Amino acid sequence: MNVLAFLADPDSGGQIQQLANTFGVDWPHLISQIISFSIVCLLLYRFAYNPILKMLDERRRQIAQGLADTEKIRAELAETETQRQSVLLQANTQATKLINEAHAAADRVKQQETQKAIAAAEQILIKSREAAVQEHAHMLLDLKREVGQLVVQTTANITGRILTPEDQKRMAEETVKQLSRAA
């Protein structure tokens, strides 16, 4: 305040007064302008500069929070990727296991069906052998009958006489017995 009073007093300094007069300084107006400028500065500081500083501080805080959130999201993303890889690995392991089990089951079914087919083929062979044996026995029986009849006819032709049914039966039985022993 002393400086203002010193500057305002025209008798206080010769050199300053001369310089002020040279430039046309009107001390009462200069002092009132300094006071007005100080009031405007105070008002701007109070109502404009402080809110702007607060807003800038809030903005810095939001940016810092955003960066922290970004880092947090990156960490969570990395963790999620790790979990995804783990799940994929487990799924691949389970899929491989299921495929191996399916192959094993298919092999078992194949073996079972092969065994069933072999058993069915053996049954067919057994039945065909039985049928062949029966057919052979039937053919032998027919052959014995025919041979017996041929023997009877041949004997009748050779002996020149007609055999009685008893003679025919007896000769047929003897022929069958002889053929049975030969077979």
N, C-alpha and C. Protein backbone atom coordinates (compact mmCIF):
# COMPACT_ATOMS: atom_id res chain seq x y z
N MET A 1 0.83 -1.18 0.00
CA MET A 1 0.00 0.00 0.00
C MET A 1 0.88 1.26 0.00
N ASN A 2 2.04 1.17 0.61
CA ASN A 2 2.96 2.30 0.63
C ASN A 2 3.39 2.69 -0.77
N VAL A 3 3.55 1.72 -1.63
CA VAL A 3 3.97 1.99 -3.00
C VAL A 3 2.89 2.78 -3.70
N LEU A 4 1.64 2.43 -3.48
CA LEU A 4 0.54 3.14 -4.11
C LEU A 4 0.46 4.58 -3.60
N ALA A 5 0.62 4.70 -2.32
CA ALA A 5 0.59 6.05 -1.74
C ALA A 5 1.76 6.85 -2.26
N PHE A 6 2.92 6.23 -2.39
CA PHE A 6 4.10 6.90 -2.90
C PHE A 6 3.89 7.34 -4.34
N LEU A 7 3.28 6.45 -5.13
CA LEU A 7 3.04 6.77 -6.53
C LEU A 7 1.95 7.82 -6.67
N ALA A 8 1.00 7.80 -5.77
CA ALA A 8 -0.12 8.73 -5.87
C ALA A 8 0.27 10.13 -5.42
N ASP A 9 1.20 10.25 -4.57
CA ASP A 9 1.60 11.57 -4.05
C ASP A 9 2.49 12.25 -5.08
N PRO A 10 2.03 13.45 -5.59
CA PRO A 10 2.80 14.11 -6.63
C PRO A 10 4.09 14.75 -6.11
N ASP A 11 4.19 15.01 -4.85
CA ASP A 11 5.37 15.68 -4.34
C ASP A 11 6.43 14.69 -3.88
N SER A 12 6.15 13.42 -3.85
CA SER A 12 7.05 12.46 -3.24
C SER A 12 8.30 12.21 -4.07
N GLY A 13 8.21 12.09 -5.32
CA GLY A 13 9.41 11.78 -6.07
C GLY A 13 9.45 12.56 -7.35
N GLY A 14 10.49 13.13 -7.60
CA GLY A 14 10.59 13.95 -8.79
C GLY A 14 10.71 13.14 -10.05
N GLN A 15 11.49 12.20 -10.05
CA GLN A 15 11.72 11.43 -11.27
C GLN A 15 10.50 10.62 -11.64
N ILE A 16 9.88 9.97 -10.74
CA ILE A 16 8.70 9.15 -11.01
C ILE A 16 7.57 10.06 -11.48
N GLN A 17 7.46 11.21 -10.83
CA GLN A 17 6.40 12.16 -11.23
C GLN A 17 6.63 12.64 -12.63
N GLN A 18 7.80 12.92 -12.99
CA GLN A 18 8.10 13.39 -14.34
C GLN A 18 7.81 12.30 -15.35
N LEU A 19 8.20 11.12 -15.05
CA LEU A 19 7.96 10.00 -15.95
C LEU A 19 6.46 9.79 -16.11
N ALA A 20 5.71 9.86 -15.03
CA ALA A 20 4.26 9.68 -15.09
C ALA A 20 3.64 10.80 -15.88
N ASN A 21 4.11 12.03 -15.70
CA ASN A 21 3.57 13.15 -16.47
C ASN A 21 3.91 12.99 -17.94
N THR A 22 5.09 12.47 -18.25
CA THR A 22 5.49 12.29 -19.64
C THR A 22 4.56 11.32 -20.34
N PHE A 23 4.21 10.29 -19.70
CA PHE A 23 3.34 9.27 -20.32
C PHE A 23 1.87 9.56 -20.08
N GLY A 24 1.53 10.54 -19.40
CA GLY A 24 0.16 10.96 -19.19
C GLY A 24 -0.57 10.09 -18.19
N VAL A 25 0.07 9.75 -17.09
CA VAL A 25 -0.55 8.90 -16.08
C VAL A 25 -1.40 9.78 -15.19
N ASP A 26 -2.67 9.36 -15.04
CA ASP A 26 -3.61 10.03 -14.15
C ASP A 26 -3.74 9.13 -12.95
N TRP A 27 -3.16 9.53 -11.85
CA TRP A 27 -3.07 8.65 -10.69
C TRP A 27 -4.42 8.22 -10.15
N PRO A 28 -5.39 9.05 -10.00
CA PRO A 28 -6.65 8.55 -9.46
C PRO A 28 -7.27 7.49 -10.37
N HIS A 29 -7.20 7.70 -11.70
CA HIS A 29 -7.75 6.69 -12.62
C HIS A 29 -6.93 5.39 -12.59
N LEU A 30 -5.62 5.53 -12.50
CA LEU A 30 -4.76 4.34 -12.46
C LEU A 30 -5.06 3.51 -11.22
N ILE A 31 -5.22 4.17 -10.09
CA ILE A 31 -5.50 3.46 -8.85
C ILE A 31 -6.88 2.80 -8.93
N SER A 32 -7.87 3.52 -9.48
CA SER A 32 -9.20 2.93 -9.59
C SER A 32 -9.17 1.73 -10.58
N GLN A 33 -8.36 1.83 -11.63
CA GLN A 33 -8.26 0.72 -12.58
C GLN A 33 -7.55 -0.47 -11.94
N ILE A 34 -6.54 -0.19 -11.13
CA ILE A 34 -5.84 -1.29 -10.42
C ILE A 34 -6.80 -1.98 -9.47
N ILE A 35 -7.62 -1.19 -8.76
CA ILE A 35 -8.61 -1.78 -7.84
C ILE A 35 -9.63 -2.58 -8.63
N SER A 36 -10.13 -2.02 -9.75
CA SER A 36 -11.11 -2.73 -10.58
C SER A 36 -10.51 -4.03 -11.13
N PHE A 37 -9.26 -3.91 -11.61
CA PHE A 37 -8.59 -5.10 -12.16
C PHE A 37 -8.41 -6.16 -11.09
N SER A 38 -8.07 -5.72 -9.86
CA SER A 38 -7.90 -6.67 -8.75
C SER A 38 -9.23 -7.35 -8.42
N ILE A 39 -10.32 -6.57 -8.43
CA ILE A 39 -11.64 -7.15 -8.14
C ILE A 39 -12.02 -8.15 -9.24
N VAL A 40 -11.77 -7.77 -10.51
CA VAL A 40 -12.09 -8.68 -11.62
C VAL A 40 -11.24 -9.95 -11.51
N CYS A 41 -9.97 -9.76 -11.18
CA CYS A 41 -9.10 -10.94 -11.03
C CYS A 41 -9.59 -11.83 -9.89
N LEU A 42 -9.95 -11.19 -8.76
CA LEU A 42 -10.47 -11.95 -7.63
C LEU A 42 -11.73 -12.70 -8.01
N LEU A 43 -12.68 -12.02 -8.72
CA LEU A 43 -13.92 -12.66 -9.15
C LEU A 43 -13.65 -13.80 -10.16
N LEU A 44 -12.75 -13.53 -11.09
CA LEU A 44 -12.41 -14.58 -12.07
C LEU A 44 -11.77 -15.77 -11.37
N TYR A 45 -10.88 -15.45 -10.42
CA TYR A 45 -10.24 -16.54 -9.69
C TYR A 45 -11.28 -17.35 -8.93
N ARG A 46 -12.18 -16.62 -8.29
CA ARG A 46 -13.17 -17.28 -7.45
C ARG A 46 -14.21 -18.04 -8.27
N PHE A 47 -14.76 -17.42 -9.32
CA PHE A 47 -15.90 -18.02 -10.04
C PHE A 47 -15.51 -18.68 -11.37
N ALA A 48 -14.34 -18.44 -11.90
CA ALA A 48 -13.97 -19.05 -13.18
C ALA A 48 -12.75 -19.96 -13.04
N TYR A 49 -11.68 -19.43 -12.49
CA TYR A 49 -10.44 -20.18 -12.44
C TYR A 49 -10.54 -21.39 -11.50
N ASN A 50 -11.08 -21.21 -10.29
CA ASN A 50 -11.25 -22.34 -9.36
C ASN A 50 -12.16 -23.42 -9.93
N PRO A 51 -13.33 -23.09 -10.49
CA PRO A 51 -14.15 -24.16 -11.07
C PRO A 51 -13.44 -24.87 -12.22
N ILE A 52 -12.69 -24.09 -13.02
CA ILE A 52 -11.96 -24.73 -14.12
C ILE A 52 -10.90 -25.66 -13.56
N LEU A 53 -10.18 -25.22 -12.52
CA LEU A 53 -9.19 -26.09 -11.89
C LEU A 53 -9.84 -27.33 -11.29
N LYS A 54 -10.98 -27.14 -10.65
CA LYS A 54 -11.70 -28.29 -10.09
C LYS A 54 -12.13 -29.24 -11.21
N MET A 55 -12.63 -28.65 -12.30
CA MET A 55 -13.06 -29.48 -13.43
C MET A 55 -11.86 -30.23 -14.02
N LEU A 56 -10.71 -29.55 -14.14
CA LEU A 56 -9.51 -30.21 -14.66
C LEU A 56 -9.04 -31.31 -13.72
N ASP A 57 -9.10 -31.03 -12.39
CA ASP A 57 -8.74 -32.08 -11.43
C ASP A 57 -9.68 -33.27 -11.55
N GLU A 58 -10.98 -33.01 -11.70
CA GLU A 58 -11.96 -34.08 -11.87
C GLU A 58 -11.67 -34.86 -13.15
N ARG A 59 -11.34 -34.13 -14.19
CA ARG A 59 -11.03 -34.77 -15.48
C ARG A 59 -9.78 -35.64 -15.35
N ARG A 60 -8.75 -35.13 -14.66
CA ARG A 60 -7.54 -35.94 -14.42
C ARG A 60 -7.89 -37.20 -13.63
N ARG A 61 -8.74 -37.01 -12.61
CA ARG A 61 -9.15 -38.17 -11.80
C ARG A 61 -9.90 -39.19 -12.66
N GLN A 62 -10.79 -38.71 -13.54
CA GLN A 62 -11.55 -39.61 -14.41
C GLN A 62 -10.62 -40.34 -15.38
N ILE A 63 -9.65 -39.60 -15.91
CA ILE A 63 -8.68 -40.24 -16.83
C ILE A 63 -7.87 -41.29 -16.09
N ALA A 64 -7.43 -40.96 -14.87
CA ALA A 64 -6.67 -41.93 -14.07
C ALA A 64 -7.54 -43.15 -13.76
N GLN A 65 -8.82 -42.88 -13.43
CA GLN A 65 -9.75 -43.99 -13.15
C GLN A 65 -9.95 -44.83 -14.41
N GLY A 66 -10.08 -44.15 -15.55
CA GLY A 66 -10.25 -44.87 -16.82
C GLY A 66 -9.03 -45.73 -17.13
N LEU A 67 -7.84 -45.19 -16.90
CA LEU A 67 -6.63 -45.98 -17.12
C LEU A 67 -6.57 -47.17 -16.17
N ALA A 68 -6.94 -46.93 -14.92
CA ALA A 68 -6.96 -48.03 -13.94
C ALA A 68 -7.98 -49.08 -14.36
N ASP A 69 -9.16 -48.61 -14.81
CA ASP A 69 -10.19 -49.55 -15.27
C ASP A 69 -9.72 -50.32 -16.50
N THR A 70 -9.00 -49.62 -17.38
CA THR A 70 -8.47 -50.29 -18.58
C THR A 70 -7.50 -51.38 -18.18
N GLU A 71 -6.63 -51.09 -17.23
CA GLU A 71 -5.69 -52.11 -16.75
C GLU A 71 -6.44 -53.27 -16.10
N LYS A 72 -7.46 -52.92 -15.33
CA LYS A 72 -8.26 -53.96 -14.69
C LYS A 72 -8.95 -54.83 -15.74
N ILE A 73 -9.49 -54.18 -16.78
CA ILE A 73 -10.17 -54.93 -17.85
C ILE A 73 -9.16 -55.80 -18.60
N ARG A 74 -7.96 -55.28 -18.83
CA ARG A 74 -6.92 -56.08 -19.49
C ARG A 74 -6.58 -57.31 -18.66
N ALA A 75 -6.45 -57.10 -17.35
CA ALA A 75 -6.14 -58.23 -16.47
C ALA A 75 -7.27 -59.26 -16.50
N GLU A 76 -8.51 -58.77 -16.45
CA GLU A 76 -9.66 -59.68 -16.50
C GLU A 76 -9.73 -60.39 -17.85
N LEU A 77 -9.42 -59.66 -18.91
CA LEU A 77 -9.41 -60.25 -20.25
C LEU A 77 -8.36 -61.34 -20.35
N ALA A 78 -7.18 -61.08 -19.79
CA ALA A 78 -6.12 -62.09 -19.79
C ALA A 78 -6.55 -63.31 -18.99
N GLU A 79 -7.19 -63.06 -17.85
CA GLU A 79 -7.68 -64.18 -17.03
C GLU A 79 -8.76 -64.96 -17.77
N THR A 80 -9.65 -64.23 -18.43
CA THR A 80 -10.72 -64.88 -19.20
C THR A 80 -10.13 -65.70 -20.34
N GLU A 81 -9.12 -65.16 -20.99
CA GLU A 81 -8.45 -65.90 -22.08
C GLU A 81 -7.80 -67.17 -21.54
N THR A 82 -7.19 -67.06 -20.37
CA THR A 82 -6.59 -68.24 -19.75
C THR A 82 -7.66 -69.28 -19.43
N GLN A 83 -8.77 -68.83 -18.88
CA GLN A 83 -9.87 -69.74 -18.57
C GLN A 83 -10.43 -70.36 -19.84
N ARG A 84 -10.54 -69.55 -20.90
CA ARG A 84 -11.06 -70.06 -22.18
C ARG A 84 -10.14 -71.15 -22.73
N GLN A 85 -8.83 -70.89 -22.65
CA GLN A 85 -7.87 -71.89 -23.11
C GLN A 85 -7.99 -73.17 -22.28
N SER A 86 -8.16 -73.00 -20.98
CA SER A 86 -8.32 -74.16 -20.10
C SER A 86 -9.57 -74.95 -20.46
N VAL A 87 -10.67 -74.24 -20.69
CA VAL A 87 -11.93 -74.90 -21.05
C VAL A 87 -11.78 -75.61 -22.39
N LEU A 88 -11.13 -74.95 -23.35
CA LEU A 88 -10.91 -75.59 -24.65
C LEU A 88 -10.05 -76.83 -24.51
N LEU A 89 -9.03 -76.76 -23.68
CA LEU A 89 -8.17 -77.92 -23.47
C LEU A 89 -8.96 -79.06 -22.85
N GLN A 90 -9.80 -78.74 -21.86
CA GLN A 90 -10.62 -79.77 -21.23
C GLN A 90 -11.61 -80.35 -22.24
N ALA A 91 -12.21 -79.49 -23.07
CA ALA A 91 -13.16 -79.97 -24.07
C ALA A 91 -12.46 -80.87 -25.08
N ASN A 92 -11.25 -80.50 -25.49
CA ASN A 92 -10.50 -81.34 -26.42
C ASN A 92 -10.16 -82.67 -25.78
N THR A 93 -9.78 -82.64 -24.52
CA THR A 93 -9.45 -83.88 -23.81
C THR A 93 -10.69 -84.78 -23.72
N GLN A 94 -11.82 -84.18 -23.36
CA GLN A 94 -13.05 -84.97 -23.26
C GLN A 94 -13.47 -85.50 -24.63
N ALA A 95 -13.32 -84.67 -25.66
CA ALA A 95 -13.69 -85.11 -27.01
C ALA A 95 -12.81 -86.27 -27.45
N THR A 96 -11.51 -86.18 -27.16
CA THR A 96 -10.59 -87.28 -27.50
C THR A 96 -10.98 -88.54 -26.74
N LYS A 97 -11.31 -88.37 -25.48
CA LYS A 97 -11.70 -89.51 -24.65
C LYS A 97 -12.97 -90.15 -25.21
N LEU A 98 -13.95 -89.32 -25.57
CA LEU A 98 -15.20 -89.84 -26.12
C LEU A 98 -14.97 -90.54 -27.46
N ILE A 99 -14.09 -89.97 -28.28
CA ILE A 99 -13.79 -90.60 -29.57
C ILE A 99 -13.12 -91.95 -29.35
N ASN A 100 -12.18 -92.00 -28.41
CA ASN A 100 -11.51 -93.28 -28.11
C ASN A 100 -12.51 -94.31 -27.58
N GLU A 101 -13.42 -93.85 -26.71
CA GLU A 101 -14.45 -94.76 -26.19
C GLU A 101 -15.36 -95.24 -27.32
N ALA A 102 -15.69 -94.35 -28.24
CA ALA A 102 -16.55 -94.73 -29.37
C ALA A 102 -15.83 -95.75 -30.25
N HIS A 103 -14.52 -95.54 -30.49
CA HIS A 103 -13.76 -96.51 -31.27
C HIS A 103 -13.73 -97.87 -30.57
N ALA A 104 -13.51 -97.85 -29.27
CA ALA A 104 -13.48 -99.10 -28.51
C ALA A 104 -14.84 -99.79 -28.56
N ALA A 105 -15.91 -99.01 -28.40
CA ALA A 105 -17.26 -99.60 -28.48
C ALA A 105 -17.52 -100.16 -29.87
N ALA A 106 -17.09 -99.44 -30.90
CA ALA A 106 -17.28 -99.93 -32.28
C ALA A 106 -16.49 -101.22 -32.49
N ASP A 107 -15.28 -101.28 -31.94
CA ASP A 107 -14.50 -102.52 -32.06
C ASP A 107 -15.19 -103.67 -31.34
N ARG A 108 -15.74 -103.38 -30.15
CA ARG A 108 -16.45 -104.44 -29.42
C ARG A 108 -17.66 -104.93 -30.21
N VAL A 109 -18.42 -103.99 -30.75
CA VAL A 109 -19.61 -104.36 -31.53
C VAL A 109 -19.19 -105.15 -32.76
N LYS A 110 -18.10 -104.71 -33.38
CA LYS A 110 -17.60 -105.42 -34.57
C LYS A 110 -17.22 -106.85 -34.21
N GLN A 111 -16.50 -107.00 -33.10
CA GLN A 111 -16.11 -108.35 -32.67
C GLN A 111 -17.34 -109.19 -32.34
N GLN A 112 -18.30 -108.60 -31.64
CA GLN A 112 -19.52 -109.34 -31.30
C GLN A 112 -20.26 -109.77 -32.55
N GLU A 113 -20.39 -108.84 -33.50
CA GLU A 113 -21.10 -109.18 -34.74
C GLU A 113 -20.34 -110.23 -35.54
N THR A 114 -19.00 -110.16 -35.53
CA THR A 114 -18.19 -111.17 -36.21
C THR A 114 -18.40 -112.52 -35.56
N GLN A 115 -18.41 -112.54 -34.23
CA GLN A 115 -18.63 -113.80 -33.52
C GLN A 115 -20.03 -114.34 -33.81
N LYS A 116 -21.02 -113.45 -33.87
CA LYS A 116 -22.38 -113.89 -34.19
C LYS A 116 -22.42 -114.46 -35.60
N ALA A 117 -21.74 -113.80 -36.53
CA ALA A 117 -21.72 -114.29 -37.91
C ALA A 117 -21.03 -115.63 -38.00
N ILE A 118 -19.91 -115.78 -37.26
CA ILE A 118 -19.20 -117.07 -37.25
C ILE A 118 -20.10 -118.15 -36.66
N ALA A 119 -20.78 -117.83 -35.55
CA ALA A 119 -21.68 -118.80 -34.92
C ALA A 119 -22.82 -119.16 -35.88
N ALA A 120 -23.36 -118.16 -36.56
CA ALA A 120 -24.44 -118.44 -37.52
C ALA A 120 -23.93 -119.30 -38.66
N ALA A 121 -22.71 -119.02 -39.14
CA ALA A 121 -22.14 -119.83 -40.22
C ALA A 121 -21.91 -121.26 -39.74
N GLU A 122 -21.44 -121.41 -38.49
CA GLU A 122 -21.23 -122.75 -37.95
C GLU A 122 -22.57 -123.50 -37.83
N GLN A 123 -23.61 -122.78 -37.39
CA GLN A 123 -24.94 -123.39 -37.31
C GLN A 123 -25.41 -123.84 -38.69
N ILE A 124 -25.17 -123.00 -39.68
CA ILE A 124 -25.57 -123.37 -41.05
C ILE A 124 -24.79 -124.59 -41.51
N LEU A 125 -23.49 -124.62 -41.21
CA LEU A 125 -22.68 -125.79 -41.58
C LEU A 125 -23.18 -127.06 -40.87
N ILE A 126 -23.46 -126.92 -39.58
CA ILE A 126 -23.95 -128.08 -38.82
C ILE A 126 -25.27 -128.57 -39.39
N LYS A 127 -26.17 -127.64 -39.69
CA LYS A 127 -27.47 -128.03 -40.24
C LYS A 127 -27.31 -128.65 -41.62
N SER A 128 -26.39 -128.06 -42.42
CA SER A 128 -26.20 -128.64 -43.75
C SER A 128 -25.57 -130.02 -43.66
N ARG A 129 -24.65 -130.24 -42.68
CA ARG A 129 -24.06 -131.57 -42.49
C ARG A 129 -25.14 -132.56 -42.04
N GLU A 130 -25.98 -132.08 -41.10
CA GLU A 130 -27.07 -132.96 -40.64
C GLU A 130 -28.01 -133.30 -41.80
N ALA A 131 -28.30 -132.28 -42.60
CA ALA A 131 -29.17 -132.53 -43.76
C ALA A 131 -28.50 -133.47 -44.73
N ALA A 132 -27.18 -133.30 -44.92
CA ALA A 132 -26.45 -134.19 -45.82
C ALA A 132 -26.46 -135.61 -45.28
N VAL A 133 -26.26 -135.74 -43.95
CA VAL A 133 -26.27 -137.08 -43.33
C VAL A 133 -27.65 -137.70 -43.49
N GLN A 134 -28.69 -136.91 -43.24
CA GLN A 134 -30.06 -137.43 -43.39
C GLN A 134 -30.33 -137.80 -44.84
N GLU A 135 -29.89 -136.94 -45.74
CA GLU A 135 -30.09 -137.22 -47.17
C GLU A 135 -29.33 -138.48 -47.57
N HIS A 136 -28.11 -138.63 -47.03
CA HIS A 136 -27.31 -139.83 -47.32
C HIS A 136 -28.01 -141.08 -46.79
N ALA A 137 -28.50 -140.98 -45.55
CA ALA A 137 -29.21 -142.12 -44.95
C ALA A 137 -30.46 -142.45 -45.76
N HIS A 138 -31.16 -141.40 -46.18
CA HIS A 138 -32.37 -141.60 -46.98
C HIS A 138 -32.03 -142.23 -48.33
N MET A 139 -30.94 -141.76 -48.91
CA MET A 139 -30.52 -142.32 -50.21
C MET A 139 -30.10 -143.77 -50.05
N LEU A 140 -29.39 -144.08 -48.94
CA LEU A 140 -28.99 -145.47 -48.69
C LEU A 140 -30.21 -146.37 -48.52
N LEU A 141 -31.18 -145.85 -47.81
CA LEU A 141 -32.40 -146.62 -47.60
C LEU A 141 -33.10 -146.88 -48.93
N ASP A 142 -33.19 -145.83 -49.74
CA ASP A 142 -33.79 -146.00 -51.07
C ASP A 142 -32.99 -146.97 -51.92
N LEU A 143 -31.67 -146.84 -51.84
CA LEU A 143 -30.80 -147.72 -52.61
C LEU A 143 -30.97 -149.17 -52.18
N LYS A 144 -31.04 -149.38 -50.86
CA LYS A 144 -31.23 -150.73 -50.35
C LYS A 144 -32.55 -151.32 -50.85
N ARG A 145 -33.57 -150.48 -50.85
CA ARG A 145 -34.86 -150.94 -51.33
C ARG A 145 -34.79 -151.32 -52.81
N GLU A 146 -34.18 -150.45 -53.56
CA GLU A 146 -34.10 -150.71 -55.01
C GLU A 146 -33.23 -151.92 -55.29
N VAL A 147 -32.08 -152.01 -54.58
CA VAL A 147 -31.21 -153.17 -54.77
C VAL A 147 -31.95 -154.46 -54.40
N GLY A 148 -32.69 -154.39 -53.31
CA GLY A 148 -33.47 -155.56 -52.89
C GLY A 148 -34.46 -155.97 -53.97
N GLN A 149 -35.14 -154.97 -54.53
CA GLN A 149 -36.12 -155.28 -55.59
C GLN A 149 -35.41 -155.83 -56.82
N LEU A 150 -34.24 -155.22 -57.16
CA LEU A 150 -33.48 -155.72 -58.32
C LEU A 150 -33.01 -157.15 -58.07
N VAL A 151 -32.56 -157.43 -56.85
CA VAL A 151 -32.10 -158.79 -56.52
C VAL A 151 -33.25 -159.77 -56.64
N VAL A 152 -34.39 -159.34 -56.14
CA VAL A 152 -35.55 -160.22 -56.20
C VAL A 152 -35.92 -160.45 -57.66
N GLN A 153 -35.96 -159.44 -58.46
CA GLN A 153 -36.32 -159.60 -59.88
C GLN A 153 -35.28 -160.44 -60.60
N THR A 154 -34.00 -160.15 -60.30
CA THR A 154 -32.95 -160.91 -60.96
C THR A 154 -33.02 -162.38 -60.54
N THR A 155 -33.22 -162.62 -59.29
CA THR A 155 -33.32 -163.99 -58.79
C THR A 155 -34.52 -164.69 -59.41
N ALA A 156 -35.61 -163.97 -59.53
CA ALA A 156 -36.80 -164.56 -60.13
C ALA A 156 -36.55 -164.88 -61.58
N ASN A 157 -35.84 -164.01 -62.27
CA ASN A 157 -35.54 -164.26 -63.67
C ASN A 157 -34.56 -165.41 -63.80
N ILE A 158 -33.61 -165.49 -62.91
CA ILE A 158 -32.62 -166.56 -62.99
C ILE A 158 -33.26 -167.89 -62.61
N THR A 159 -33.99 -167.94 -61.60
CA THR A 159 -34.56 -169.20 -61.15
C THR A 159 -35.75 -169.58 -62.01
N GLY A 160 -36.30 -168.68 -62.68
CA GLY A 160 -37.41 -168.96 -63.56
C GLY A 160 -38.70 -169.20 -62.86
N ARG A 161 -38.80 -168.92 -61.75
CA ARG A 161 -40.06 -169.11 -61.07
C ARG A 161 -40.44 -167.83 -60.34
N ILE A 162 -41.64 -167.69 -59.94
CA ILE A 162 -42.16 -166.52 -59.26
C ILE A 162 -42.08 -166.78 -57.79
N LEU A 163 -41.48 -165.81 -57.14
CA LEU A 163 -41.30 -165.95 -55.71
C LEU A 163 -42.54 -165.48 -54.98
N THR A 164 -42.77 -166.10 -53.92
CA THR A 164 -43.90 -165.71 -53.09
C THR A 164 -43.53 -164.46 -52.32
N PRO A 165 -44.50 -163.78 -51.83
CA PRO A 165 -44.18 -162.58 -51.07
C PRO A 165 -43.31 -162.88 -49.86
N GLU A 166 -43.42 -164.01 -49.27
CA GLU A 166 -42.57 -164.37 -48.14
C GLU A 166 -41.14 -164.54 -48.60
N ASP A 167 -40.94 -165.19 -49.76
CA ASP A 167 -39.59 -165.37 -50.29
C ASP A 167 -38.97 -164.00 -50.63
N GLN A 168 -39.78 -163.14 -51.20
CA GLN A 168 -39.28 -161.81 -51.57
C GLN A 168 -38.87 -161.03 -50.31
N LYS A 169 -39.65 -161.16 -49.28
CA LYS A 169 -39.37 -160.43 -48.05
C LYS A 169 -38.10 -160.97 -47.42
N ARG A 170 -37.94 -162.26 -47.39
CA ARG A 170 -36.77 -162.88 -46.80
C ARG A 170 -35.51 -162.50 -47.56
N MET A 171 -35.56 -162.53 -48.85
CA MET A 171 -34.39 -162.18 -49.66
C MET A 171 -34.04 -160.69 -49.53
N ALA A 172 -35.04 -159.88 -49.44
CA ALA A 172 -34.80 -158.44 -49.28
C ALA A 172 -34.13 -158.17 -47.95
N GLU A 173 -34.57 -158.86 -46.89
CA GLU A 173 -33.97 -158.67 -45.57
C GLU A 173 -32.53 -159.13 -45.57
N GLU A 174 -32.25 -160.25 -46.21
CA GLU A 174 -30.89 -160.76 -46.26
C GLU A 174 -29.99 -159.80 -47.04
N THR A 175 -30.50 -159.27 -48.10
CA THR A 175 -29.71 -158.32 -48.90
C THR A 175 -29.43 -157.04 -48.11
N VAL A 176 -30.44 -156.61 -47.40
CA VAL A 176 -30.26 -155.40 -46.59
C VAL A 176 -29.22 -155.64 -45.51
N LYS A 177 -29.23 -156.79 -44.90
CA LYS A 177 -28.27 -157.12 -43.86
C LYS A 177 -26.87 -157.14 -44.44
N GLN A 178 -26.72 -157.72 -45.59
CA GLN A 178 -25.41 -157.78 -46.23
C GLN A 178 -24.91 -156.39 -46.63
N LEU A 179 -25.82 -155.60 -47.13
CA LEU A 179 -25.43 -154.21 -47.50
C LEU A 179 -25.10 -153.38 -46.27
N SER A 180 -25.80 -153.63 -45.17
CA SER A 180 -25.53 -152.91 -43.94
C SER A 180 -24.14 -153.24 -43.42
N ARG A 181 -23.77 -154.48 -43.53
CA ARG A 181 -22.45 -154.87 -43.08
C ARG A 181 -21.37 -154.27 -43.98
N ALA A 182 -21.67 -154.17 -45.24
CA ALA A 182 -20.69 -153.63 -46.21
C ALA A 182 -20.54 -152.12 -46.03
N ALA A 183 -21.58 -151.45 -45.65
CA ALA A 183 -21.51 -150.00 -45.50
C ALA A 183 -20.90 -149.67 -44.22
